[in-house]
C-alpha cells in the first residue's frame, strides 16, 4: 500500500485511537504513513484537520484512512466530511454498549484527563521509579519489594520488559544480570538470596545476542559469537538448576513477554 496515509484524530491525546488503529493495521502487510492529530476538540481545529486530510488525499490520489475518537458530535460531523475513509471508533462501540448496559455514556473526553488524581496512576509512577532504581542490578536496596525480578545475560531484553511492566501494569519489576562469575560458581548472585520465588528468566539465541551486542560494542569479546554461546548456555543451565521459569525473547515482542510473565507470576494484574 504505497503512499497511503493513516490519521489518528482525537479530542484527547490520540493514544487510544493510535493503539487500536495500529492493532487493526497490523492485520495487513502494509507500511502506511501514520499521522496523529491530538486535541481536536473544537470546530475550528476540526476544520484545520479536514484541510490537512484533504491535502493528503490530493497529493496521494487516494483517500486516507482516518481512525477517530471524538466525543462532540459537531466536531465529528466535520471530520466525517473529509475525503477519507473515516472509522469512528466511539460510535462503533459506545452506542452498542449503551444498549447493553441500559445507560448513556458520560461522553468523557480523553482516557487520561484525570489520570493525575488516580491511585493507579501514582502506583505506575512509583513502579517506574522502582524499576529504574533496580535496573541491571545497580541496587539491592528494597529489592524485597519487587513483584518480579528478571534475570538473564546482558542485552537479552530485561530492561525494556521491566519498564513495560512498570509503565503499563504498575508492576514493581527489577532486573539483575547473570555474569560469568555466576556461571563459574554455578549459583545465583548473592543479592538474590531468598528471592527465588520472584525470579523470572529471559534468554535469547546466541546469534541474535551477538547482533545486539555488536551494535553496542563492535569487534569486542563481549559481542563475539562464541562468548555469546557460552553465556547463553551457562545462563540456561543455571536457571534450570535453580528451578527458575524462563522464556526466550528472540522472537517475542515486549508485550508478549510481559503478558507471559504476568500470567505466571502475577495473574491478578491481568484483571482490573
C-alpha atoms as a PDB file:
ATOM      1  CA  UNK A   1       0.000   0.000   0.000  1.00  0.00           C
ATOM      2  CA  UNK A   2       2.485   2.665  -1.143  1.00  0.00           C
ATOM      3  CA  UNK A   3       1.860   6.353  -0.425  1.00  0.00           C
ATOM      4  CA  UNK A   4      -1.172   5.654   1.771  1.00  0.00           C
ATOM      5  CA  UNK A   5      -1.601   7.759   4.891  1.00  0.00           C
ATOM      6  CA  UNK A   6      -3.425   6.920   8.098  1.00  0.00           C
ATOM      7  CA  UNK A   7      -4.630   9.604  10.503  1.00  0.00           C
ATOM      8  CA  UNK A   8      -5.467   9.157  14.180  1.00  0.00           C
ATOM      9  CA  UNK A   9      -7.755  12.019  15.172  1.00  0.00           C
ATOM     10  CA  UNK A  10      -8.816  12.549  18.778  1.00  0.00           C
ATOM     11  CA  UNK A  11     -10.093  15.216  21.151  1.00  0.00           C
ATOM     12  CA  UNK A  12      -7.635  13.797  23.701  1.00  0.00           C
ATOM     13  CA  UNK A  13      -4.085  12.533  23.358  1.00  0.00           C
ATOM     14  CA  UNK A  14      -4.904  10.204  20.465  1.00  0.00           C
ATOM     15  CA  UNK A  15      -3.160   7.310  22.167  1.00  0.00           C
ATOM     16  CA  UNK A  16      -6.328   5.190  22.293  1.00  0.00           C
ATOM     17  CA  UNK A  17      -7.094   5.808  18.615  1.00  0.00           C
ATOM     18  CA  UNK A  18      -3.495   5.086  17.625  1.00  0.00           C
ATOM     19  CA  UNK A  19      -3.240   1.938  19.735  1.00  0.00           C
ATOM     20  CA  UNK A  20      -6.479   0.486  18.388  1.00  0.00           C
ATOM     21  CA  UNK A  21      -5.795   1.615  14.833  1.00  0.00           C
ATOM     22  CA  UNK A  22      -2.324   0.114  14.794  1.00  0.00           C
ATOM     23  CA  UNK A  23      -3.723  -3.171  16.108  1.00  0.00           C
ATOM     24  CA  UNK A  24      -6.099  -3.266  13.151  1.00  0.00           C
ATOM     25  CA  UNK A  25      -3.413  -2.218  10.667  1.00  0.00           C
ATOM     26  CA  UNK A  26      -1.144  -4.982  11.959  1.00  0.00           C
ATOM     27  CA  UNK A  27      -3.511  -7.476  10.310  1.00  0.00           C
ATOM     28  CA  UNK A  28      -2.298  -6.255   6.922  1.00  0.00           C
ATOM     29  CA  UNK A  29       1.123  -6.402   5.315  1.00  0.00           C
ATOM     30  CA  UNK A  30       1.352  -2.632   4.879  1.00  0.00           C
ATOM     31  CA  UNK A  31       3.607   0.217   5.955  1.00  0.00           C
ATOM     32  CA  UNK A  32       1.413   3.336   5.813  1.00  0.00           C
ATOM     33  CA  UNK A  33       2.459   6.844   6.753  1.00  0.00           C
ATOM     34  CA  UNK A  34       0.958   7.500  10.207  1.00  0.00           C
ATOM     35  CA  UNK A  35      -0.129  10.933  11.429  1.00  0.00           C
ATOM     36  CA  UNK A  36      -1.572  11.614  14.889  1.00  0.00           C
ATOM     37  CA  UNK A  37      -3.744  14.714  15.340  1.00  0.00           C
ATOM     38  CA  UNK A  38      -4.439  15.096  19.091  1.00  0.00           C
ATOM     39  CA  UNK A  39      -6.655  17.604  20.936  1.00  0.00           C
ATOM     40  CA  UNK A  40      -9.046  18.219  18.041  1.00  0.00           C
ATOM     41  CA  UNK A  41     -11.749  19.452  20.423  1.00  0.00           C
ATOM     42  CA  UNK A  42     -13.238  22.485  18.631  1.00  0.00           C
ATOM     43  CA  UNK A  43     -14.939  23.111  15.324  1.00  0.00           C
ATOM     44  CA  UNK A  44     -12.032  25.309  14.239  1.00  0.00           C
ATOM     45  CA  UNK A  45      -9.492  22.569  14.931  1.00  0.00           C
ATOM     46  CA  UNK A  46     -11.678  20.045  13.131  1.00  0.00           C
ATOM     47  CA  UNK A  47     -11.773  22.272  10.044  1.00  0.00           C
ATOM     48  CA  UNK A  48      -7.973  22.520  10.054  1.00  0.00           C
ATOM     49  CA  UNK A  49      -7.735  18.727  10.449  1.00  0.00           C
ATOM     50  CA  UNK A  50     -10.024  18.167   7.460  1.00  0.00           C
ATOM     51  CA  UNK A  51      -7.940  20.588   5.387  1.00  0.00           C
ATOM     52  CA  UNK A  52      -4.837  18.551   6.183  1.00  0.00           C
ATOM     53  CA  UNK A  53      -6.567  15.244   5.443  1.00  0.00           C
ATOM     54  CA  UNK A  54      -7.907  16.546   2.127  1.00  0.00           C
ATOM     55  CA  UNK A  55      -4.479  17.920   1.210  1.00  0.00           C
ATOM     56  CA  UNK A  56      -3.019  14.439   1.689  1.00  0.00           C
ATOM     57  CA  UNK A  57      -5.831  12.944  -0.420  1.00  0.00           C
ATOM     58  CA  UNK A  58      -4.997  15.323  -3.269  1.00  0.00           C
ATOM     59  CA  UNK A  59      -1.262  14.609  -3.022  1.00  0.00           C
ATOM     60  CA  UNK A  60      -1.609  10.810  -2.873  1.00  0.00           C
ATOM     61  CA  UNK A  61      -4.592  10.396  -5.156  1.00  0.00           C
ATOM     62  CA  UNK A  62      -6.169   8.012  -2.650  1.00  0.00           C
ATOM     63  CA  UNK A  63      -8.424   8.677   0.326  1.00  0.00           C
ATOM     64  CA  UNK A  64      -6.522   8.438   3.609  1.00  0.00           C
ATOM     65  CA  UNK A  65      -7.765   6.193   6.395  1.00  0.00           C
ATOM     66  CA  UNK A  66      -8.855   8.096   9.497  1.00  0.00           C
ATOM     67  CA  UNK A  67      -9.355   6.487  12.921  1.00  0.00           C
ATOM     68  CA  UNK A  68     -11.268   8.867  15.174  1.00  0.00           C
ATOM     69  CA  UNK A  69     -12.156   9.000  18.873  1.00  0.00           C
ATOM     70  CA  UNK A  70     -14.269  12.132  19.135  1.00  0.00           C
ATOM     71  CA  UNK A  71     -16.975  12.928  21.674  1.00  0.00           C
ATOM     72  CA  UNK A  72     -18.524  16.175  20.398  1.00  0.00           C
ATOM     73  CA  UNK A  73     -20.997  15.483  17.551  1.00  0.00           C
ATOM     74  CA  UNK A  74     -20.312  18.806  15.800  1.00  0.00           C
ATOM     75  CA  UNK A  75     -16.575  18.083  15.685  1.00  0.00           C
ATOM     76  CA  UNK A  76     -17.208  14.533  14.486  1.00  0.00           C
ATOM     77  CA  UNK A  77     -19.578  15.744  11.743  1.00  0.00           C
ATOM     78  CA  UNK A  78     -16.843  17.955  10.305  1.00  0.00           C
ATOM     79  CA  UNK A  79     -14.250  15.171  10.319  1.00  0.00           C
ATOM     80  CA  UNK A  80     -16.702  12.794   8.652  1.00  0.00           C
ATOM     81  CA  UNK A  81     -16.898  15.283   5.785  1.00  0.00           C
ATOM     82  CA  UNK A  82     -13.249  14.698   4.903  1.00  0.00           C
ATOM     83  CA  UNK A  83     -12.365  12.955   1.670  1.00  0.00           C
ATOM     84  CA  UNK A  84     -11.262   9.844   3.521  1.00  0.00           C
ATOM     85  CA  UNK A  85     -12.340   6.525   4.961  1.00  0.00           C
ATOM     86  CA  UNK A  86     -13.376   7.663   8.447  1.00  0.00           C
ATOM     87  CA  UNK A  87     -13.639   4.924  11.075  1.00  0.00           C
ATOM     88  CA  UNK A  88     -15.488   6.216  14.133  1.00  0.00           C
ATOM     89  CA  UNK A  89     -14.307   4.004  16.965  1.00  0.00           C
ATOM     90  CA  UNK A  90     -16.537   5.522  19.660  1.00  0.00           C
ATOM     91  CA  UNK A  91     -19.824   5.135  17.798  1.00  0.00           C
ATOM     92  CA  UNK A  92     -18.842   1.635  16.696  1.00  0.00           C
ATOM     93  CA  UNK A  93     -18.543   0.538  20.327  1.00  0.00           C
ATOM     94  CA  UNK A  94     -20.157   3.109  22.631  1.00  0.00           C
ATOM     95  CA  UNK A  95     -23.663   3.005  21.156  1.00  0.00           C
ATOM     96  CA  UNK A  96     -23.989  -0.820  21.336  1.00  0.00           C
ATOM     97  CA  UNK A  97     -22.624  -0.690  24.894  1.00  0.00           C
ATOM     98  CA  UNK A  98     -25.218   1.922  25.851  1.00  0.00           C
ATOM     99  CA  UNK A  99     -27.864  -0.565  24.745  1.00  0.00           C
ATOM    100  CA  UNK A 100     -26.164  -3.449  26.581  1.00  0.00           C
ATOM    101  CA  UNK A 101     -25.753  -1.512  29.833  1.00  0.00           C
ATOM    102  CA  UNK A 102     -29.074   0.279  29.539  1.00  0.00           C
ATOM    103  CA  UNK A 103     -27.309   3.560  30.291  1.00  0.00           C
ATOM    104  CA  UNK A 104     -25.918   6.536  28.423  1.00  0.00           C
ATOM    105  CA  UNK A 105     -22.165   7.043  28.301  1.00  0.00           C
ATOM    106  CA  UNK A 106     -20.700  10.081  30.051  1.00  0.00           C
ATOM    107  CA  UNK A 107     -19.065  11.350  26.818  1.00  0.00           C
ATOM    108  CA  UNK A 108     -15.825  11.899  28.682  1.00  0.00           C
ATOM    109  CA  UNK A 109     -13.027  13.408  26.631  1.00  0.00           C
ATOM    110  CA  UNK A 110      -9.708  11.650  26.912  1.00  0.00           C
ATOM    111  CA  UNK A 111      -8.819   8.477  28.666  1.00  0.00           C
ATOM    112  CA  UNK A 112      -6.130  10.303  30.670  1.00  0.00           C
ATOM    113  CA  UNK A 113      -7.971  13.535  31.555  1.00  0.00           C
ATOM    114  CA  UNK A 114      -7.922  12.999  35.335  1.00  0.00           C
ATOM    115  CA  UNK A 115      -5.086  10.490  35.500  1.00  0.00           C
ATOM    116  CA  UNK A 116      -3.144  12.653  37.953  1.00  0.00           C
ATOM    117  CA  UNK A 117      -5.877  12.057  40.538  1.00  0.00           C
ATOM    118  CA  UNK A 118      -5.934   8.299  40.075  1.00  0.00           C
ATOM    119  CA  UNK A 119      -4.256   5.967  42.600  1.00  0.00           C
ATOM    120  CA  UNK A 120      -3.433   3.650  39.699  1.00  0.00           C
ATOM    121  CA  UNK A 121      -1.509   6.477  38.021  1.00  0.00           C
ATOM    122  CA  UNK A 122       0.587   7.145  41.124  1.00  0.00           C
ATOM    123  CA  UNK A 123       1.208   3.414  41.534  1.00  0.00           C
ATOM    124  CA  UNK A 124       2.511   3.359  37.972  1.00  0.00           C
ATOM    125  CA  UNK A 125       4.863   6.276  38.629  1.00  0.00           C
ATOM    126  CA  UNK A 126       6.173   4.555  41.779  1.00  0.00           C
ATOM    127  CA  UNK A 127       6.678   1.333  39.823  1.00  0.00           C
ATOM    128  CA  UNK A 128       8.628   3.155  37.085  1.00  0.00           C
ATOM    129  CA  UNK A 129      10.897   4.801  39.653  1.00  0.00           C
ATOM    130  CA  UNK A 130      11.438   1.439  41.336  1.00  0.00           C
ATOM    131  CA  UNK A 131      12.335  -0.257  38.035  1.00  0.00           C
ATOM    132  CA  UNK A 132      14.795   2.489  37.114  1.00  0.00           C
ATOM    133  CA  UNK A 133      16.431   2.289  40.548  1.00  0.00           C
ATOM    134  CA  UNK A 134      16.774  -1.502  40.259  1.00  0.00           C
ATOM    135  CA  UNK A 135      17.838  -1.689  36.620  1.00  0.00           C
ATOM    136  CA  UNK A 136      20.675  -4.068  35.763  1.00  0.00           C
ATOM    137  CA  UNK A 137      21.325  -4.955  39.401  1.00  0.00           C
ATOM    138  CA  UNK A 138      22.565  -1.452  40.239  1.00  0.00           C
ATOM    139  CA  UNK A 139      20.858  -1.559  43.653  1.00  0.00           C
ATOM    140  CA  UNK A 140      19.684  -4.279  46.012  1.00  0.00           C
ATOM    141  CA  UNK A 141      18.066  -1.760  48.360  1.00  0.00           C
ATOM    142  CA  UNK A 142      14.405  -2.642  48.976  1.00  0.00           C
ATOM    143  CA  UNK A 143      14.684  -5.447  46.422  1.00  0.00           C
ATOM    144  CA  UNK A 144      12.305  -7.472  48.579  1.00  0.00           C
ATOM    145  CA  UNK A 145       9.577  -5.032  47.479  1.00  0.00           C
ATOM    146  CA  UNK A 146       9.905  -6.193  43.869  1.00  0.00           C
ATOM    147  CA  UNK A 147       6.941  -8.108  42.471  1.00  0.00           C
ATOM    148  CA  UNK A 148       9.129  -9.735  39.840  1.00  0.00           C
ATOM    149  CA  UNK A 149      12.893  -9.811  39.242  1.00  0.00           C
ATOM    150  CA  UNK A 150      14.044 -10.560  35.709  1.00  0.00           C
ATOM    151  CA  UNK A 151      17.344 -12.391  35.313  1.00  0.00           C
ATOM    152  CA  UNK A 152      19.398 -13.252  32.244  1.00  0.00           C
ATOM    153  CA  UNK A 153      22.515 -12.354  30.315  1.00  0.00           C
ATOM    154  CA  UNK A 154      23.259  -8.784  29.335  1.00  0.00           C
ATOM    155  CA  UNK A 155      21.164  -7.444  26.399  1.00  0.00           C
ATOM    156  CA  UNK A 156      18.505 -10.174  26.387  1.00  0.00           C
ATOM    157  CA  UNK A 157      15.623  -7.732  26.938  1.00  0.00           C
ATOM    158  CA  UNK A 158      15.413  -7.390  30.720  1.00  0.00           C
ATOM    159  CA  UNK A 159      15.363  -3.586  30.925  1.00  0.00           C
ATOM    160  CA  UNK A 160      12.641  -2.849  28.333  1.00  0.00           C
ATOM    161  CA  UNK A 161      10.490  -5.650  29.737  1.00  0.00           C
ATOM    162  CA  UNK A 162      10.774  -4.421  33.326  1.00  0.00           C
ATOM    163  CA  UNK A 163       9.958  -0.847  32.268  1.00  0.00           C
ATOM    164  CA  UNK A 164       6.990  -2.026  30.217  1.00  0.00           C
ATOM    165  CA  UNK A 165       5.653  -3.960  33.207  1.00  0.00           C
ATOM    166  CA  UNK A 166       6.002  -0.826  35.332  1.00  0.00           C
ATOM    167  CA  UNK A 167       4.542   1.618  32.818  1.00  0.00           C
ATOM    168  CA  UNK A 168       1.636  -0.476  31.575  1.00  0.00           C
ATOM    169  CA  UNK A 169       0.754  -2.563  34.607  1.00  0.00           C
ATOM    170  CA  UNK A 170       2.187  -0.736  37.611  1.00  0.00           C
ATOM    171  CA  UNK A 171       4.325  -3.776  38.477  1.00  0.00           C
ATOM    172  CA  UNK A 172       7.456  -3.197  40.541  1.00  0.00           C
ATOM    173  CA  UNK A 173       9.870  -5.036  38.281  1.00  0.00           C
ATOM    174  CA  UNK A 174      13.611  -5.215  38.897  1.00  0.00           C
ATOM    175  CA  UNK A 175      16.203  -6.869  36.691  1.00  0.00           C
ATOM    176  CA  UNK A 176      19.512  -8.490  37.537  1.00  0.00           C
ATOM    177  CA  UNK A 177      22.223  -9.650  35.116  1.00  0.00           C
ATOM    178  CA  UNK A 178      23.751 -13.111  35.114  1.00  0.00           C
ATOM    179  CA  UNK A 179      27.502 -12.787  34.524  1.00  0.00           C
ATOM    180  CA  UNK A 180      30.448 -15.179  34.035  1.00  0.00           C
ATOM    181  CA  UNK A 181      31.266 -15.079  37.787  1.00  0.00           C
ATOM    182  CA  UNK A 182      27.824 -16.565  38.460  1.00  0.00           C
ATOM    183  CA  UNK A 183      28.438 -19.316  35.910  1.00  0.00           C
ATOM    184  CA  UNK A 184      31.783 -20.231  37.456  1.00  0.00           C
ATOM    185  CA  UNK A 185      30.182 -20.506  40.909  1.00  0.00           C
ATOM    186  CA  UNK A 186      27.071 -22.066  39.342  1.00  0.00           C
ATOM    187  CA  UNK A 187      24.797 -20.193  41.687  1.00  0.00           C
ATOM    188  CA  UNK A 188      22.665 -17.057  41.709  1.00  0.00           C
ATOM    189  CA  UNK A 189      24.174 -13.677  42.643  1.00  0.00           C
ATOM    190  CA  UNK A 190      24.245 -13.075  46.384  1.00  0.00           C
ATOM    191  CA  UNK A 191      21.843 -10.154  46.016  1.00  0.00           C
ATOM    192  CA  UNK A 192      19.082 -12.560  45.004  1.00  0.00           C
ATOM    193  CA  UNK A 193      19.314 -14.806  48.047  1.00  0.00           C
ATOM    194  CA  UNK A 194      15.864 -15.613  49.375  1.00  0.00           C
ATOM    195  CA  UNK A 195      14.104 -14.116  46.359  1.00  0.00           C
ATOM    196  CA  UNK A 196      13.950 -17.148  44.056  1.00  0.00           C
ATOM    197  CA  UNK A 197      10.115 -17.151  44.130  1.00  0.00           C
ATOM    198  CA  UNK A 198      10.153 -13.713  42.464  1.00  0.00           C
ATOM    199  CA  UNK A 199      12.581 -14.584  39.684  1.00  0.00           C
ATOM    200  CA  UNK A 200      11.729 -14.962  36.028  1.00  0.00           C
ATOM    201  CA  UNK A 201      14.417 -15.622  33.436  1.00  0.00           C
ATOM    202  CA  UNK A 202      14.908 -14.330  29.904  1.00  0.00           C
ATOM    203  CA  UNK A 203      17.126 -15.997  27.353  1.00  0.00           C
ATOM    204  CA  UNK A 204      17.920 -15.375  23.691  1.00  0.00           C
ATOM    205  CA  UNK A 205      19.618 -17.161  20.808  1.00  0.00           C
ATOM    206  CA  UNK A 206      23.401 -16.585  20.750  1.00  0.00           C
ATOM    207  CA  UNK A 207      23.226 -15.350  17.155  1.00  0.00           C
ATOM    208  CA  UNK A 208      20.695 -12.646  17.975  1.00  0.00           C
ATOM    209  CA  UNK A 209      22.560 -11.722  21.152  1.00  0.00           C
ATOM    210  CA  UNK A 210      25.784 -11.285  19.174  1.00  0.00           C
ATOM    211  CA  UNK A 211      23.993  -8.973  16.718  1.00  0.00           C
ATOM    212  CA  UNK A 212      22.610  -6.800  19.519  1.00  0.00           C
ATOM    213  CA  UNK A 213      25.912  -6.615  21.372  1.00  0.00           C
ATOM    214  CA  UNK A 214      27.814  -5.834  18.172  1.00  0.00           C
ATOM    215  CA  UNK A 215      25.703  -2.701  17.749  1.00  0.00           C
ATOM    216  CA  UNK A 216      26.804  -1.628  21.224  1.00  0.00           C
ATOM    217  CA  UNK A 217      30.439  -2.820  21.212  1.00  0.00           C
ATOM    218  CA  UNK A 218      31.597  -3.892  17.747  1.00  0.00           C
ATOM    219  CA  UNK A 219      34.584  -6.238  17.439  1.00  0.00           C
ATOM    220  CA  UNK A 220      34.625  -6.907  21.182  1.00  0.00           C
ATOM    221  CA  UNK A 221      34.914 -10.130  23.149  1.00  0.00           C
ATOM    222  CA  UNK A 222      31.586  -9.145  24.716  1.00  0.00           C
ATOM    223  CA  UNK A 223      29.868  -9.431  21.312  1.00  0.00           C
ATOM    224  CA  UNK A 224      31.813 -12.436  19.948  1.00  0.00           C
ATOM    225  CA  UNK A 225      29.527 -15.283  18.913  1.00  0.00           C
ATOM    226  CA  UNK A 226      31.452 -17.952  20.831  1.00  0.00           C
ATOM    227  CA  UNK A 227      31.239 -15.865  24.009  1.00  0.00           C
ATOM    228  CA  UNK A 228      27.514 -15.327  23.478  1.00  0.00           C
ATOM    229  CA  UNK A 229      27.048 -19.077  23.032  1.00  0.00           C
ATOM    230  CA  UNK A 230      28.895 -19.700  26.277  1.00  0.00           C
ATOM    231  CA  UNK A 231      26.922 -17.124  28.279  1.00  0.00           C
ATOM    232  CA  UNK A 232      23.515 -18.192  26.963  1.00  0.00           C
ATOM    233  CA  UNK A 233      24.246 -21.879  27.539  1.00  0.00           C
ATOM    234  CA  UNK A 234      25.512 -21.318  31.077  1.00  0.00           C
ATOM    235  CA  UNK A 235      22.675 -18.966  31.971  1.00  0.00           C
ATOM    236  CA  UNK A 236      20.072 -21.505  30.840  1.00  0.00           C
ATOM    237  CA  UNK A 237      21.847 -24.258  32.809  1.00  0.00           C
ATOM    238  CA  UNK A 238      21.829 -22.071  35.909  1.00  0.00           C
ATOM    239  CA  UNK A 239      18.144 -21.200  35.543  1.00  0.00           C
ATOM    240  CA  UNK A 240      17.222 -24.857  35.080  1.00  0.00           C
ATOM    241  CA  UNK A 241      19.306 -25.846  38.097  1.00  0.00           C
ATOM    242  CA  UNK A 242      17.680 -23.168  40.273  1.00  0.00           C
ATOM    243  CA  UNK A 243      14.171 -24.006  39.058  1.00  0.00           C
ATOM    244  CA  UNK A 244      13.605 -20.554  37.556  1.00  0.00           C
ATOM    245  CA  UNK A 245      10.850 -20.139  35.000  1.00  0.00           C
ATOM    246  CA  UNK A 246      12.186 -18.604  31.809  1.00  0.00           C
ATOM    247  CA  UNK A 247      11.482 -17.985  28.134  1.00  0.00           C
ATOM    248  CA  UNK A 248      13.379 -16.929  25.025  1.00  0.00           C
ATOM    249  CA  UNK A 249      12.904 -13.311  23.983  1.00  0.00           C
ATOM    250  CA  UNK A 250      14.298 -13.898  20.481  1.00  0.00           C
ATOM    251  CA  UNK A 251      11.031 -13.952  18.553  1.00  0.00           C
ATOM    252  CA  UNK A 252       8.707 -12.347  21.077  1.00  0.00           C
ATOM    253  CA  UNK A 253       7.608  -8.736  21.460  1.00  0.00           C
ATOM    254  CA  UNK A 254       7.941  -6.917  24.786  1.00  0.00           C
ATOM    255  CA  UNK A 255       4.152  -7.100  25.122  1.00  0.00           C
ATOM    256  CA  UNK A 256       4.160 -10.884  24.693  1.00  0.00           C
ATOM    257  CA  UNK A 257       6.994 -11.355  27.173  1.00  0.00           C
ATOM    258  CA  UNK A 258       5.333  -9.128  29.767  1.00  0.00           C
ATOM    259  CA  UNK A 259       1.966 -10.860  29.410  1.00  0.00           C
ATOM    260  CA  UNK A 260       3.570 -14.294  29.808  1.00  0.00           C
ATOM    261  CA  UNK A 261       5.349 -13.121  32.959  1.00  0.00           C
ATOM    262  CA  UNK A 262       2.118 -11.728  34.406  1.00  0.00           C
ATOM    263  CA  UNK A 263       0.251 -14.947  33.630  1.00  0.00           C
ATOM    264  CA  UNK A 264       2.791 -16.958  35.581  1.00  0.00           C
ATOM    265  CA  UNK A 265       3.782 -14.626  38.409  1.00  0.00           C
ATOM    266  CA  UNK A 266       1.015 -12.020  38.875  1.00  0.00           C
ATOM    267  CA  UNK A 267      -2.137 -13.227  37.048  1.00  0.00           C
ATOM    268  CA  UNK A 268      -4.181 -10.840  39.208  1.00  0.00           C
ATOM    269  CA  UNK A 269      -2.590  -7.930  37.302  1.00  0.00           C
ATOM    270  CA  UNK A 270      -4.454  -9.079  34.171  1.00  0.00           C
ATOM    271  CA  UNK A 271      -7.711  -8.233  35.969  1.00  0.00           C
ATOM    272  CA  UNK A 272      -8.666  -4.664  36.786  1.00  0.00           C
END
